[in-house]
Amino acid sequence: MDRRAFEASAAAGLGSWPETTVFLAAVSGGADSTAMLAALAALGRFEFRCLHVEHGIRPAPESRGDAAAVEALCAEFGIPCSVVSIAPGKIERTAKKRGIGVEAAARLYRHAAWNAEARRVGAAKVLVAHTREDLLETGLMRILRGSGPAGLAAMPRSRGIVIRPLLDRSRAEILAYLEERGIPYRTDSTNTDPKYLRNRIRHTLIPCLDEFFPGWRKTLQDLAETQRMAADFLEAEATARIPWRDEGRGLSVSSNSFFSQPPILREEALFAALDRMAEKGRVKPPRRRNLRLFAQGAFDTLDLGFAILKKDAEKLSLGLPRTGETGFSLLIKEPGIYKLKGLTIRAFSGENTGSPAQLAAKFPAQSGFFATLPLALRQNYPEDYIVRGGRKRRGAESVRAAGVSAGNCVGSAAFGLITAEDTRGPAAFIGRGQDGFEIVLAREEEVREKHLFFSIQH
């Protein structure tokens, strides 16, 4: 593809817009976004603005060098340029706090910057330089993460405020275009770091697929197109059959309307409700497995951290979490899945998950305990104790015996523990070791049918 053909393809990727339209180009300084800006600047139509987001993840000289390169490129093309700099460490802290990857946290900040700048300059759309390879890499990532039809669907050229004008172009075509025009570009040093899933897919999985399954690219594209049709159909059916009502701080729907539908429509309806909550800026993507358990009726409550799903005989509701209930960090009154400080607690009832013995056999010894409802999870106090072997054991002693680092635990400043307490007193001490949260000490007792099994995970 020669220079003119590449530029015409980029222009076609924008679609039909009035000549006075303002577009905001998101430019990192890498090959893809540099080629996008250069090709669109050559059009001589529309008004373009540029935004560069400095994420504060890489070494400062490299990061500042990228910003300077983008500013120089924009000066050459006569395009106004803005740079948004995120304080070093801020994205990593957000990732840890929210329990998401660094890439996902960076994306949150990047999208927020795009939206804010688009409003400021009056841009109709934000232009993002995703390519054919990005489409395939994203498809593989979502397969590995167990995404549903909407996640596996082909990446759209346009969605919301974003347009991807280079989605049909390959990286080889982009590099050839830049070489023909003699335009330099920056290379992100993190693009080879194997700690990022996309890099492992790009540098390890894709070469393997190319060698042993040479037709995989076309097959994956066909899968994505099929899933796009399936996702569109399911979305339309779920919207028509399971109508959510807006209640201000949340949403609700009739339990009968919900549970009378096929399981896949229930799941899609829950994701649709979360999408509506996301418009209020309150939601991050949940795990499909947890939503599936709730949609199957396994639990009455699903605490997503940012919102709570609850069901009763009359309705399902999705709302903001309660705060400050009876002074406890978390009060569990019924079987369900709950969140606390990065810890996930699953309360299993014997009614739908098996006998206590069967439940216990499913989980490692340090990942669960038995107790009754209601169960409170709170910070550990020095006077808390659990009886084991006929003697009282307190938090500090438990930490030393289990080899858990108190300094790395959530909970009390004294011992770094969370106490799980039912009506009979402390049932377990929970701390965080090197491999995540674990039961430091659990109450020794005869397990009865009225007991629930509480499993924990990081």
Protein backbone atom coordinates (compact mmCIF):
# COMPACT_ATOMS: atom_id res chain seq x y z
CA MET A 1 0.00 0.00 0.00
CA ASP A 2 1.54 3.31 -1.10
CA ARG A 3 1.36 6.59 0.74
CA ARG A 4 -1.76 7.95 -0.97
CA ALA A 5 -3.66 4.70 -0.57
CA PHE A 6 -2.80 4.57 3.14
CA GLU A 7 -3.97 8.15 3.69
CA ALA A 8 -7.18 7.50 1.75
CA SER A 9 -7.82 4.42 3.90
CA ALA A 10 -7.36 6.45 7.10
CA ALA A 11 -9.76 9.10 5.80
CA ALA A 12 -12.34 6.42 4.95
CA GLY A 13 -11.94 5.08 8.47
CA LEU A 14 -13.24 8.39 9.86
CA GLY A 15 -16.59 8.08 8.11
CA SER A 16 -18.69 10.99 6.87
CA TRP A 17 -18.38 14.24 8.82
CA PRO A 18 -18.81 17.95 8.04
CA GLU A 19 -15.62 19.73 7.03
CA THR A 20 -15.74 21.84 10.22
CA THR A 21 -15.67 18.78 12.54
CA VAL A 22 -13.05 18.84 15.32
CA PHE A 23 -11.31 15.55 16.11
CA LEU A 24 -9.02 14.81 19.05
CA ALA A 25 -6.17 12.43 18.14
CA ALA A 26 -4.77 10.34 21.00
CA VAL A 27 -1.06 10.09 20.18
CA SER A 28 1.48 8.16 22.26
CA GLY A 29 4.40 8.78 19.91
CA GLY A 30 4.57 5.11 18.84
CA ALA A 31 4.41 3.97 15.24
CA ASP A 32 0.64 3.41 15.07
CA SER A 33 -0.53 6.76 16.47
CA THR A 34 2.24 8.67 14.68
CA ALA A 35 1.15 7.20 11.35
CA MET A 36 -2.48 7.99 12.13
CA LEU A 37 -1.74 11.64 12.89
CA ALA A 38 0.51 12.03 9.85
CA ALA A 39 -2.03 10.44 7.48
CA LEU A 40 -4.95 12.52 8.78
CA ALA A 41 -2.95 15.75 8.79
CA ALA A 42 -2.29 15.16 5.08
CA LEU A 43 -6.02 15.28 4.35
CA GLY A 44 -6.26 19.06 4.48
CA ARG A 45 -9.78 18.65 5.89
CA PHE A 46 -11.31 18.81 9.36
CA GLU A 47 -9.74 20.34 12.46
CA PHE A 48 -7.42 18.18 14.50
CA ARG A 49 -6.23 18.50 18.07
CA CYS A 50 -3.74 16.17 19.73
CA LEU A 51 -3.54 14.78 23.26
CA HIS A 52 -0.58 12.89 24.70
CA VAL A 53 -1.00 11.14 28.06
CA GLU A 54 2.19 10.69 30.07
CA HIS A 55 1.33 7.78 32.37
CA GLY A 56 4.20 8.09 34.84
CA ILE A 57 4.95 4.35 34.59
CA ARG A 58 8.22 4.32 32.67
CA PRO A 59 11.51 6.09 33.53
CA ALA A 60 11.08 9.86 33.45
CA PRO A 61 13.63 10.55 30.65
CA GLU A 62 11.89 8.08 28.32
CA SER A 63 8.41 9.33 29.20
CA ARG A 64 9.37 12.98 28.76
CA GLY A 65 11.09 12.09 25.49
CA ASP A 66 7.83 10.65 24.15
CA ALA A 67 5.94 13.81 25.09
CA ALA A 68 8.58 16.02 23.45
CA ALA A 69 8.49 13.91 20.27
CA VAL A 70 4.70 14.22 20.02
CA GLU A 71 4.86 17.99 20.58
CA ALA A 72 7.50 18.31 17.85
CA LEU A 73 5.43 16.22 15.44
CA CYS A 74 2.35 18.35 16.09
CA ALA A 75 4.35 21.56 15.59
CA GLU A 76 5.50 20.23 12.22
CA PHE A 77 1.92 19.52 11.14
CA GLY A 78 0.51 22.71 12.70
CA ILE A 79 -1.76 20.80 15.08
CA PRO A 80 -2.39 22.11 18.63
CA CYS A 81 -1.10 19.63 21.21
CA SER A 82 -1.81 19.09 24.92
CA VAL A 83 0.09 16.84 27.32
CA VAL A 84 -1.50 15.34 30.44
CA SER A 85 1.02 14.05 32.97
CA ILE A 86 -0.02 11.53 35.63
CA ALA A 87 2.07 11.53 38.80
CA PRO A 88 4.55 8.63 38.99
CA GLY A 89 3.16 5.74 41.05
CA LYS A 90 -0.44 6.92 40.87
CA ILE A 91 -1.53 4.32 38.33
CA GLU A 92 0.16 1.50 40.23
CA ARG A 93 -1.55 2.58 43.46
CA THR A 94 -4.92 2.69 41.72
CA ALA A 95 -4.34 -0.79 40.28
CA LYS A 96 -3.54 -2.19 43.72
CA LYS A 97 -6.45 -0.42 45.40
CA ARG A 98 -9.00 -1.61 42.84
CA GLY A 99 -7.56 -5.08 42.40
CA ILE A 100 -6.95 -4.64 38.66
CA GLY A 101 -3.88 -4.78 36.43
CA VAL A 102 -1.62 -1.82 35.73
CA GLU A 103 -2.73 -1.84 32.08
CA ALA A 104 -6.39 -1.59 33.12
CA ALA A 105 -5.64 1.20 35.59
CA ALA A 106 -3.68 3.13 32.95
CA ARG A 107 -6.63 2.76 30.59
CA LEU A 108 -8.95 4.32 33.18
CA TYR A 109 -6.76 7.41 33.47
CA ARG A 110 -6.22 7.59 29.72
CA HIS A 111 -9.94 7.47 28.93
CA ALA A 112 -10.68 10.08 31.59
CA ALA A 113 -8.08 12.37 29.99
CA TRP A 114 -9.56 11.80 26.53
CA ASN A 115 -13.08 12.65 27.67
CA ALA A 116 -11.98 15.77 29.54
CA GLU A 117 -9.88 17.09 26.65
CA ALA A 118 -12.57 16.31 24.08
CA ARG A 119 -15.03 18.41 26.08
CA ARG A 120 -12.51 21.21 26.46
CA VAL A 121 -11.70 21.53 22.76
CA GLY A 122 -15.20 20.65 21.50
CA ALA A 123 -14.09 17.48 19.69
CA ALA A 124 -16.79 15.27 18.18
CA LYS A 125 -14.70 12.11 18.53
CA VAL A 126 -11.41 10.81 19.91
CA LEU A 127 -9.24 9.08 17.30
CA VAL A 128 -7.37 5.99 18.54
CA ALA A 129 -4.78 4.15 16.42
CA HIS A 130 -5.80 0.54 17.00
CA THR A 131 -4.75 -1.74 14.16
CA ARG A 132 -5.59 -5.19 12.83
CA GLU A 133 -3.01 -6.67 15.22
CA ASP A 134 -4.58 -4.90 18.19
CA LEU A 135 -7.92 -6.44 17.23
CA LEU A 136 -6.42 -9.96 17.18
CA GLU A 137 -4.41 -9.47 20.39
CA THR A 138 -7.47 -8.15 22.21
CA GLY A 139 -9.50 -11.13 20.97
CA LEU A 140 -6.94 -13.57 22.37
CA MET A 141 -6.81 -11.71 25.70
CA ARG A 142 -10.57 -11.94 26.06
CA ILE A 143 -10.62 -15.63 25.18
CA LEU A 144 -8.05 -16.27 27.91
CA ARG A 145 -10.12 -14.23 30.38
CA GLY A 146 -13.31 -16.15 29.61
CA SER A 147 -15.26 -13.24 28.15
CA GLY A 148 -18.85 -13.62 26.98
CA PRO A 149 -20.26 -12.85 23.52
CA ALA A 150 -19.91 -9.06 23.86
CA GLY A 151 -16.28 -9.39 24.93
CA LEU A 152 -15.43 -11.80 22.11
CA ALA A 153 -17.21 -9.69 19.49
CA ALA A 154 -15.12 -7.89 16.91
CA MET A 155 -13.68 -4.58 18.11
CA PRO A 156 -15.95 -1.93 16.56
CA ARG A 157 -14.55 0.83 14.39
CA SER A 158 -16.63 3.31 16.34
CA ARG A 159 -18.11 3.11 19.83
CA GLY A 160 -19.10 5.95 22.09
CA ILE A 161 -16.67 8.80 21.71
CA VAL A 162 -13.94 6.67 20.06
CA ILE A 163 -13.20 6.11 16.35
CA ARG A 164 -10.46 3.73 15.16
CA PRO A 165 -9.57 4.85 11.62
CA LEU A 166 -6.69 2.34 11.18
CA LEU A 167 -8.52 -0.79 12.30
CA ASP A 168 -8.23 -2.40 8.84
CA ARG A 169 -4.53 -1.64 8.50
CA SER A 170 -1.68 -3.93 9.56
CA ARG A 171 1.41 -2.95 11.51
CA ALA A 172 3.56 -3.78 8.50
CA GLU A 173 1.61 -1.26 6.40
CA ILE A 174 2.01 1.36 9.11
CA LEU A 175 5.78 0.89 9.31
CA ALA A 176 6.05 1.01 5.50
CA TYR A 177 4.10 4.29 5.43
CA LEU A 178 6.32 5.90 8.06
CA GLU A 179 9.44 4.73 6.25
CA GLU A 180 8.22 6.12 2.93
CA ARG A 181 7.56 9.52 4.50
CA GLY A 182 10.70 9.46 6.63
CA ILE A 183 8.77 10.10 9.84
CA PRO A 184 10.43 8.92 13.10
CA TYR A 185 8.50 7.32 15.95
CA ARG A 186 9.14 6.29 19.54
CA THR A 187 9.38 2.74 20.93
CA ASP A 188 7.88 2.05 24.36
CA SER A 189 10.35 0.05 26.47
CA THR A 190 7.46 -1.70 28.26
CA ASN A 191 6.31 -3.29 24.98
CA THR A 192 8.65 -6.20 25.66
CA ASP A 193 7.96 -6.54 29.40
CA PRO A 194 6.47 -10.04 29.95
CA LYS A 195 4.59 -8.97 33.09
CA TYR A 196 1.92 -7.47 30.80
CA LEU A 197 -0.52 -9.97 29.32
CA ARG A 198 -0.63 -8.27 25.92
CA ASN A 199 3.14 -8.58 25.59
CA ARG A 200 3.07 -12.28 26.47
CA ILE A 201 0.42 -12.78 23.81
CA ARG A 202 2.28 -10.67 21.23
CA HIS A 203 5.74 -12.15 21.73
CA THR A 204 5.03 -15.71 22.86
CA LEU A 205 1.51 -16.92 22.02
CA ILE A 206 1.11 -15.36 18.56
CA PRO A 207 4.43 -16.71 17.18
CA CYS A 208 3.38 -20.15 18.44
CA LEU A 209 -0.02 -19.85 16.73
CA ASP A 210 1.63 -18.64 13.52
CA GLU A 211 3.92 -21.68 13.50
CA PHE A 212 1.44 -24.42 14.38
CA PHE A 213 -1.95 -22.93 13.39
CA PRO A 214 -1.25 -20.68 10.38
CA GLY A 215 -4.94 -20.03 9.66
CA TRP A 216 -5.78 -18.81 13.16
CA ARG A 217 -6.07 -15.12 12.25
CA LYS A 218 -8.93 -15.65 9.79
CA THR A 219 -10.57 -18.13 12.18
CA LEU A 220 -10.44 -15.62 15.04
CA GLN A 221 -11.89 -12.89 12.83
CA ASP A 222 -14.75 -15.20 11.86
CA LEU A 223 -15.36 -16.01 15.53
CA ALA A 224 -15.44 -12.30 16.41
CA GLU A 225 -17.96 -11.55 13.66
CA THR A 226 -20.21 -14.39 14.82
CA GLN A 227 -19.98 -13.25 18.42
CA ARG A 228 -20.84 -9.69 17.40
CA MET A 229 -24.11 -10.92 15.89
CA ALA A 230 -24.79 -13.09 18.93
CA ALA A 231 -24.01 -10.22 21.32
CA ASP A 232 -26.29 -7.81 19.46
CA PHE A 233 -29.14 -10.33 19.51
CA LEU A 234 -28.70 -11.14 23.21
CA GLU A 235 -28.52 -7.45 24.13
CA ALA A 236 -31.77 -6.72 22.29
CA GLU A 237 -33.55 -9.72 23.82
CA ALA A 238 -32.32 -8.99 27.35
CA THR A 239 -33.40 -5.34 27.07
CA ALA A 240 -36.88 -6.30 25.87
CA ARG A 241 -37.50 -9.18 28.28
CA ILE A 242 -35.81 -7.89 31.44
CA PRO A 243 -36.61 -4.16 31.75
CA TRP A 244 -34.65 -2.41 34.51
CA ARG A 245 -36.22 0.50 36.37
CA ASP A 246 -34.10 3.50 37.33
CA GLU A 247 -34.45 4.24 41.06
CA GLY A 248 -32.02 7.14 41.28
CA ARG A 249 -29.17 5.55 43.22
CA GLY A 250 -29.68 2.19 41.59
CA LEU A 251 -31.75 -0.08 39.35
CA SER A 252 -34.34 -2.79 39.95
CA VAL A 253 -36.30 -5.42 38.02
CA SER A 254 -39.03 -7.89 38.89
CA SER A 255 -37.64 -11.21 40.14
CA ASN A 256 -40.25 -13.02 38.07
CA SER A 257 -39.24 -11.14 34.90
CA PHE A 258 -35.62 -12.00 35.58
CA PHE A 259 -35.77 -15.68 36.58
CA SER A 260 -38.35 -16.64 33.95
CA GLN A 261 -35.77 -15.98 31.21
CA PRO A 262 -33.00 -18.30 29.92
CA PRO A 263 -29.73 -18.17 31.92
CA ILE A 264 -27.74 -16.40 29.18
CA LEU A 265 -30.29 -13.58 29.02
CA ARG A 266 -30.11 -13.20 32.80
CA GLU A 267 -26.34 -12.77 32.60
CA GLU A 268 -26.57 -10.28 29.76
CA ALA A 269 -29.27 -8.33 31.63
CA LEU A 270 -26.94 -8.03 34.63
CA PHE A 271 -24.13 -6.72 32.42
CA ALA A 272 -26.59 -4.28 30.83
CA ALA A 273 -27.53 -2.99 34.28
CA LEU A 274 -23.86 -2.56 35.16
CA ASP A 275 -23.34 -0.65 31.92
CA ARG A 276 -26.12 1.72 32.97
CA MET A 277 -24.46 2.18 36.36
CA ALA A 278 -21.17 2.83 34.56
CA GLU A 279 -22.74 5.88 32.97
CA LYS A 280 -22.87 7.30 36.49
CA GLY A 281 -19.14 6.55 36.90
CA ARG A 282 -19.68 3.91 39.60
CA VAL A 283 -18.76 0.59 38.07
CA LYS A 284 -15.76 -1.46 37.03
CA PRO A 285 -16.13 -4.73 35.05
CA PRO A 286 -16.97 -7.71 37.31
CA ARG A 287 -16.08 -11.34 36.84
CA ARG A 288 -18.63 -13.19 34.74
CA ARG A 289 -18.39 -16.25 37.02
CA ASN A 290 -19.71 -14.30 40.01
CA LEU A 291 -22.57 -12.84 37.99
CA ARG A 292 -23.37 -16.30 36.67
CA LEU A 293 -23.67 -17.72 40.18
CA PHE A 294 -26.01 -14.91 41.15
CA ALA A 295 -28.06 -15.28 37.95
CA GLN A 296 -28.44 -19.00 38.70
CA GLY A 297 -29.91 -18.19 42.10
CA ALA A 298 -26.96 -19.57 44.07
CA PHE A 299 -26.83 -16.46 46.26
CA ASP A 300 -29.20 -13.73 47.44
CA THR A 301 -26.44 -11.12 47.61
CA LEU A 302 -23.48 -10.30 45.39
CA ASP A 303 -21.21 -7.55 46.71
CA LEU A 304 -19.14 -6.19 43.82
CA GLY A 305 -17.36 -3.67 46.04
CA PHE A 306 -18.58 -0.70 43.98
CA ALA A 307 -22.22 -1.88 44.05
CA ILE A 308 -24.42 -4.60 45.56
CA LEU A 309 -26.81 -6.97 43.78
CA LYS A 310 -29.63 -8.33 45.95
CA LYS A 311 -32.67 -10.45 45.26
CA ASP A 312 -35.82 -11.33 47.15
CA ALA A 313 -39.21 -12.75 46.19
CA GLU A 314 -40.32 -9.46 44.62
CA LYS A 315 -37.34 -7.91 42.86
CA LEU A 316 -33.67 -7.76 42.05
CA SER A 317 -31.88 -4.55 42.87
CA LEU A 318 -28.49 -3.11 41.94
CA GLY A 319 -27.40 -0.23 44.14
CA LEU A 320 -24.56 1.44 45.94
CA PRO A 321 -23.09 -0.41 48.95
CA ARG A 322 -24.26 0.32 52.47
CA THR A 323 -21.82 2.03 54.79
CA GLY A 324 -21.24 1.98 58.51
CA GLU A 325 -23.65 -0.82 59.43
CA THR A 326 -23.48 -1.30 63.23
CA GLY A 327 -19.87 -0.15 63.24
CA PHE A 328 -18.56 -3.25 61.45
CA SER A 329 -16.44 -3.20 58.32
CA LEU A 330 -18.78 -5.78 56.80
CA LEU A 331 -21.88 -7.56 58.10
CA ILE A 332 -22.98 -10.72 56.26
CA LYS A 333 -26.60 -11.66 56.87
CA GLU A 334 -27.21 -14.19 54.06
CA PRO A 335 -25.34 -16.46 51.65
CA GLY A 336 -23.59 -14.53 48.91
CA ILE A 337 -20.32 -13.09 47.62
CA TYR A 338 -18.90 -10.08 49.46
CA LYS A 339 -15.91 -7.72 49.13
CA LEU A 340 -13.76 -6.18 51.85
CA LYS A 341 -10.41 -4.41 51.31
CA GLY A 342 -9.43 -6.56 48.33
CA LEU A 343 -10.68 -9.73 50.04
CA THR A 344 -13.51 -11.76 48.49
CA ILE A 345 -15.67 -13.77 50.92
CA ARG A 346 -18.10 -16.41 49.66
CA ALA A 347 -20.77 -17.61 52.07
CA PHE A 348 -21.97 -21.05 50.96
CA SER A 349 -25.20 -22.54 52.25
CA GLY A 350 -25.56 -26.31 52.44
CA GLU A 351 -28.95 -26.01 50.72
CA ASN A 352 -27.55 -25.54 47.25
CA THR A 353 -23.87 -26.40 47.53
CA GLY A 354 -23.72 -29.69 49.45
CA SER A 355 -23.16 -30.81 53.03
CA PRO A 356 -20.59 -29.08 55.27
CA ALA A 357 -18.19 -31.97 54.72
CA GLN A 358 -18.56 -31.72 50.96
CA LEU A 359 -17.98 -27.98 51.09
CA ALA A 360 -14.86 -28.32 53.20
CA ALA A 361 -13.42 -30.90 50.81
CA LYS A 362 -13.59 -28.41 47.91
CA PHE A 363 -11.28 -25.84 49.47
CA PRO A 364 -7.70 -25.79 50.83
CA ALA A 365 -7.45 -25.89 54.61
CA GLN A 366 -6.29 -22.27 54.85
CA SER A 367 -8.98 -20.80 52.60
CA GLY A 368 -12.20 -21.43 54.53
CA PHE A 369 -13.96 -21.77 57.87
CA PHE A 370 -17.41 -22.56 59.26
CA ALA A 371 -19.64 -20.11 61.13
CA THR A 372 -23.26 -19.07 61.47
CA LEU A 373 -25.13 -15.97 60.34
CA PRO A 374 -24.96 -13.10 60.89
CA LEU A 375 -21.17 -12.90 60.48
CA ALA A 376 -19.23 -9.69 61.02
CA LEU A 377 -15.80 -9.01 59.56
CA ARG A 378 -13.94 -6.27 61.39
CA GLN A 379 -10.51 -5.27 62.56
CA ASN A 380 -8.85 -7.54 65.09
CA TYR A 381 -8.70 -6.36 68.72
CA PRO A 382 -6.09 -7.47 71.29
CA GLU A 383 -8.78 -9.14 73.43
CA ASP A 384 -10.06 -11.34 70.56
CA TYR A 385 -9.33 -15.02 71.03
CA ILE A 386 -10.18 -18.39 69.48
CA VAL A 387 -10.13 -21.68 71.35
CA ARG A 388 -7.90 -24.37 69.81
CA GLY A 389 -6.63 -27.45 71.59
CA GLY A 390 -8.38 -26.44 74.78
CA ARG A 391 -6.61 -23.09 75.10
CA LYS A 392 -7.27 -19.51 74.12
CA ARG A 393 -5.18 -18.18 71.23
CA ARG A 394 -5.05 -14.47 70.49
CA GLY A 395 -4.18 -12.60 67.31
CA ALA A 396 -0.48 -11.88 67.91
CA GLU A 397 0.20 -15.51 68.83
CA SER A 398 -1.71 -16.71 65.77
CA VAL A 399 0.31 -14.48 63.46
CA ARG A 400 3.60 -15.81 64.82
CA ALA A 401 2.45 -19.42 64.65
CA ALA A 402 1.17 -19.08 61.06
CA GLY A 403 4.20 -17.16 59.81
CA VAL A 404 2.03 -14.39 58.35
CA SER A 405 3.55 -10.95 58.00
CA ALA A 406 1.45 -8.62 60.14
CA GLY A 407 2.81 -5.59 58.33
CA ASN A 408 1.33 -6.80 55.04
CA CYS A 409 -2.12 -7.63 56.40
CA VAL A 410 -5.24 -5.54 56.27
CA GLY A 411 -7.13 -4.88 59.48
CA SER A 412 -5.80 -3.71 62.80
CA ALA A 413 -2.61 -1.77 63.14
CA ALA A 414 -1.59 -4.03 66.03
CA PHE A 415 -1.76 -7.42 64.39
CA GLY A 416 -2.77 -6.79 60.77
CA LEU A 417 -5.69 -9.20 61.07
CA ILE A 418 -9.38 -9.30 60.24
CA THR A 419 -11.64 -10.99 62.79
CA ALA A 420 -14.64 -12.94 61.49
CA GLU A 421 -17.17 -13.07 64.32
CA ASP A 422 -20.59 -14.71 64.60
CA THR A 423 -23.01 -14.81 67.56
CA ARG A 424 -20.68 -17.20 69.45
CA GLY A 425 -17.64 -14.95 69.13
CA PRO A 426 -14.60 -14.95 66.81
CA ALA A 427 -14.80 -17.79 64.29
CA ALA A 428 -11.60 -17.03 62.36
CA PHE A 429 -8.65 -14.67 62.07
CA ILE A 430 -7.85 -13.70 58.46
CA GLY A 431 -4.50 -12.28 57.41
CA ARG A 432 -2.49 -11.76 54.26
CA GLY A 433 0.58 -13.86 53.64
CA GLN A 434 2.94 -13.92 50.67
CA ASP A 435 0.44 -15.88 48.58
CA GLY A 436 -2.59 -13.75 49.41
CA PHE A 437 -5.25 -13.88 52.11
CA GLU A 438 -5.45 -16.96 54.31
CA ILE A 439 -7.06 -18.23 57.48
CA VAL A 440 -4.51 -17.67 60.23
CA LEU A 441 -6.65 -19.47 62.80
CA ALA A 442 -10.17 -20.94 62.74
CA ARG A 443 -12.42 -21.98 65.58
CA GLU A 444 -12.34 -25.66 66.52
CA GLU A 445 -15.84 -27.05 66.74
CA GLU A 446 -18.23 -29.72 65.57
CA VAL A 447 -19.71 -28.66 62.25
CA ARG A 448 -23.50 -28.76 62.12
CA GLU A 449 -25.89 -28.40 59.20
CA LYS A 450 -26.86 -24.88 60.28
CA HIS A 451 -23.28 -23.73 59.73
CA LEU A 452 -22.30 -22.00 56.50
CA PHE A 453 -18.92 -22.42 54.87
CA PHE A 454 -17.06 -19.15 54.25
CA SER A 455 -14.30 -19.33 51.65
CA ILE A 456 -11.83 -16.49 51.08
CA GLN A 457 -9.75 -15.48 48.13
CA HIS A 458 -7.46 -12.58 47.18
